[in-house]
């Protein structure tokens, strides 16, 4: 498992805020990995679209966190707030795999590596945006994989799994991806 505390250059933080359009407040030069992951997850939600039969603009979407209590706690600070066009509800999963059916977004932590393939199979064809820091996550069928390289966070996208889930990602997000699989 990787270290949960990393230093990130100020220019990265500015780029992250630019992508996010989050605020004009000054950015600290050091952010925890949890804070960075949270910001990425929230931005992925902003730049994703679900099928209108499943969720409409202004609806509540549920973000489920599997295997990372610290991330879930950090994300809980935005519970009930608007993220893009959606109101966000944060839900921990624990060992309750039946609760997956209520998730619109699922973050699978690296410590859940043994469970992620069965989890992805159980979600096949369902409009659930899957995100993880598991190595090669997007290559192995997940939607968005976070990558940590030399104190930088990047992400891979699996367009085939995005399409199968009936989701859409903005072209801005696709342009920022390190790798795109399943074109």
Protein backbone atom coordinates (compact mmCIF):
# COMPACT_ATOMS: atom_id res chain seq x y z
CA UNK A 1 0.00 0.00 0.00
CA UNK A 2 1.33 3.45 -0.80
CA UNK A 3 2.09 6.19 1.67
CA UNK A 4 -0.99 8.25 2.58
CA UNK A 5 1.01 11.48 2.93
CA UNK A 6 2.83 12.95 -0.07
CA UNK A 7 4.13 16.38 -1.03
CA UNK A 8 2.71 17.88 -4.21
CA UNK A 9 4.18 20.93 -5.96
CA UNK A 10 2.17 24.13 -5.90
CA UNK A 11 1.89 24.14 -9.69
CA UNK A 12 0.17 20.75 -9.54
CA UNK A 13 -2.29 22.15 -7.03
CA UNK A 14 -2.99 25.08 -9.35
CA UNK A 15 -3.53 22.69 -12.27
CA UNK A 16 -5.89 20.65 -10.11
CA UNK A 17 -7.89 23.76 -9.20
CA UNK A 18 -7.98 24.76 -12.86
CA UNK A 19 -9.39 21.36 -13.78
CA UNK A 20 -11.80 21.53 -10.89
CA UNK A 21 -12.94 25.09 -11.25
CA UNK A 22 -13.41 24.65 -7.52
CA UNK A 23 -12.47 27.99 -6.06
CA UNK A 24 -10.12 30.91 -6.31
CA UNK A 25 -8.71 30.40 -2.83
CA UNK A 26 -4.95 30.02 -2.58
CA UNK A 27 -3.60 26.50 -2.63
CA UNK A 28 -1.23 25.05 -0.08
CA UNK A 29 1.98 23.56 -1.47
CA UNK A 30 1.40 20.37 0.50
CA UNK A 31 -1.73 18.29 0.33
CA UNK A 32 -2.31 14.83 1.72
CA UNK A 33 -2.89 12.04 -0.74
CA UNK A 34 -6.41 11.68 0.66
CA UNK A 35 -7.16 15.33 -0.14
CA UNK A 36 -5.82 14.94 -3.66
CA UNK A 37 -7.78 11.72 -4.23
CA UNK A 38 -10.93 13.42 -2.93
CA UNK A 39 -10.48 16.35 -5.30
CA UNK A 40 -9.97 14.03 -8.25
CA UNK A 41 -13.01 11.92 -7.39
CA UNK A 42 -15.22 15.01 -7.08
CA UNK A 43 -13.94 16.32 -10.39
CA UNK A 44 -14.53 13.01 -12.11
CA UNK A 45 -18.15 13.28 -10.96
CA UNK A 46 -18.38 16.82 -12.35
CA UNK A 47 -17.16 15.67 -15.76
CA UNK A 48 -19.28 12.50 -15.99
CA UNK A 49 -22.82 11.97 -17.25
CA UNK A 50 -25.13 9.12 -16.35
CA UNK A 51 -27.97 7.91 -18.58
CA UNK A 52 -30.99 10.17 -18.01
CA UNK A 53 -33.15 7.13 -17.29
CA UNK A 54 -30.88 6.42 -14.33
CA UNK A 55 -30.05 9.88 -12.95
CA UNK A 56 -31.01 13.37 -14.10
CA UNK A 57 -29.31 16.70 -13.56
CA UNK A 58 -30.12 17.91 -10.06
CA UNK A 59 -30.71 14.39 -8.75
CA UNK A 60 -28.83 12.91 -5.82
CA UNK A 61 -26.00 10.57 -6.67
CA UNK A 62 -24.44 8.16 -4.23
CA UNK A 63 -20.68 7.87 -3.92
CA UNK A 64 -19.70 4.63 -2.23
CA UNK A 65 -16.23 4.06 -0.78
CA UNK A 66 -14.89 0.54 -0.47
CA UNK A 67 -11.94 -0.01 1.82
CA UNK A 68 -10.68 3.42 2.82
CA UNK A 69 -12.17 4.92 5.98
CA UNK A 70 -9.91 8.00 5.81
CA UNK A 71 -11.04 8.84 2.28
CA UNK A 72 -14.66 8.24 3.19
CA UNK A 73 -14.29 10.56 6.19
CA UNK A 74 -12.70 13.29 4.05
CA UNK A 75 -15.41 12.96 1.40
CA UNK A 76 -18.14 13.04 4.06
CA UNK A 77 -17.37 16.76 4.50
CA UNK A 78 -19.13 17.36 1.16
CA UNK A 79 -22.08 15.06 1.87
CA UNK A 80 -25.30 16.74 0.76
CA UNK A 81 -23.52 19.37 -1.34
CA UNK A 82 -23.75 19.95 -5.06
CA UNK A 83 -21.00 18.49 -7.21
CA UNK A 84 -21.51 19.69 -10.74
CA UNK A 85 -25.15 19.02 -11.58
CA UNK A 86 -25.71 16.51 -8.78
CA UNK A 87 -26.31 16.46 -5.04
CA UNK A 88 -23.80 14.13 -3.43
CA UNK A 89 -24.51 11.44 -0.87
CA UNK A 90 -21.50 9.59 0.60
CA UNK A 91 -21.94 5.97 1.68
CA UNK A 92 -19.38 3.58 3.18
CA UNK A 93 -19.69 0.02 1.92
CA UNK A 94 -17.73 -2.18 4.27
CA UNK A 95 -18.46 -5.83 3.44
CA UNK A 96 -22.00 -5.16 2.20
CA UNK A 97 -21.70 -6.04 -1.48
CA UNK A 98 -25.50 -5.90 -1.86
CA UNK A 99 -25.31 -2.13 -1.32
CA UNK A 100 -23.41 -1.80 -4.62
CA UNK A 101 -26.70 -1.56 -6.47
CA UNK A 102 -27.37 1.82 -4.85
CA UNK A 103 -24.02 3.35 -5.92
CA UNK A 104 -23.65 5.76 -8.82
CA UNK A 105 -19.92 6.13 -8.16
CA UNK A 106 -17.74 3.50 -6.53
CA UNK A 107 -14.24 4.14 -5.23
CA UNK A 108 -12.33 0.89 -4.61
CA UNK A 109 -9.22 1.35 -2.49
CA UNK A 110 -6.00 -0.48 -3.20
CA UNK A 111 -6.44 -2.56 -0.04
CA UNK A 112 -9.49 -4.14 -1.72
CA UNK A 113 -7.43 -5.50 -4.60
CA UNK A 114 -8.57 -9.09 -3.97
CA UNK A 115 -12.24 -8.04 -4.34
CA UNK A 116 -12.13 -5.64 -7.24
CA UNK A 117 -12.49 -8.08 -10.16
CA UNK A 118 -15.60 -9.77 -8.68
CA UNK A 119 -16.94 -6.30 -7.82
CA UNK A 120 -16.44 -5.07 -11.40
CA UNK A 121 -18.11 -8.23 -12.75
CA UNK A 122 -21.12 -7.67 -10.49
CA UNK A 123 -21.46 -4.14 -11.89
CA UNK A 124 -21.08 -5.11 -15.56
CA UNK A 125 -23.46 -3.09 -17.70
CA UNK A 126 -24.70 -0.98 -14.78
CA UNK A 127 -24.27 2.82 -14.86
CA UNK A 128 -21.72 2.98 -12.03
CA UNK A 129 -18.56 5.06 -12.40
CA UNK A 130 -15.71 2.99 -10.92
CA UNK A 131 -12.54 4.68 -9.66
CA UNK A 132 -9.52 3.16 -7.95
CA UNK A 133 -5.85 3.50 -7.09
CA UNK A 134 -5.28 -0.23 -7.72
CA UNK A 135 -2.39 -0.64 -10.19
CA UNK A 136 -3.61 -1.10 -13.80
CA UNK A 137 -7.23 -0.65 -12.69
CA UNK A 138 -8.43 0.89 -15.96
CA UNK A 139 -6.46 -1.60 -18.02
CA UNK A 140 -8.15 -4.44 -16.13
CA UNK A 141 -11.71 -3.24 -16.69
CA UNK A 142 -12.28 -0.37 -14.23
CA UNK A 143 -13.44 3.01 -15.51
CA UNK A 144 -10.81 5.37 -14.07
CA UNK A 145 -7.51 4.40 -12.49
CA UNK A 146 -5.48 6.84 -10.41
CA UNK A 147 -1.73 6.62 -10.98
CA UNK A 148 1.00 7.98 -8.72
CA UNK A 149 4.27 8.84 -10.47
CA UNK A 150 7.05 10.97 -9.03
CA UNK A 151 4.76 12.95 -6.69
CA UNK A 152 2.25 13.50 -9.47
CA UNK A 153 -1.22 12.10 -9.79
CA UNK A 154 -2.41 11.06 -13.21
CA UNK A 155 -5.30 8.93 -14.34
CA UNK A 156 -6.11 6.33 -16.95
CA UNK A 157 -9.52 5.86 -18.53
CA UNK A 158 -11.07 2.72 -19.99
CA UNK A 159 -13.48 3.99 -22.65
CA UNK A 160 -14.84 0.53 -23.40
CA UNK A 161 -15.95 0.00 -19.79
CA UNK A 162 -17.33 3.57 -19.69
CA UNK A 163 -19.46 2.84 -22.77
CA UNK A 164 -20.63 -0.54 -21.44
CA UNK A 165 -21.79 1.24 -18.25
CA UNK A 166 -23.72 3.74 -20.39
CA UNK A 167 -21.68 6.64 -18.98
CA UNK A 168 -20.12 9.62 -20.77
CA UNK A 169 -17.04 11.63 -19.86
CA UNK A 170 -16.32 15.14 -21.07
CA UNK A 171 -13.71 15.67 -23.75
CA UNK A 172 -11.79 17.89 -21.27
CA UNK A 173 -11.33 14.92 -18.99
CA UNK A 174 -10.33 12.63 -21.85
CA UNK A 175 -7.71 15.16 -22.93
CA UNK A 176 -6.14 15.11 -19.45
CA UNK A 177 -5.92 11.31 -19.16
CA UNK A 178 -2.45 9.76 -19.15
CA UNK A 179 -3.73 6.71 -21.07
CA UNK A 180 -7.01 5.80 -22.68
CA UNK A 181 -7.80 2.11 -23.12
CA UNK A 182 -10.58 0.55 -25.21
CA UNK A 183 -10.90 3.34 -27.78
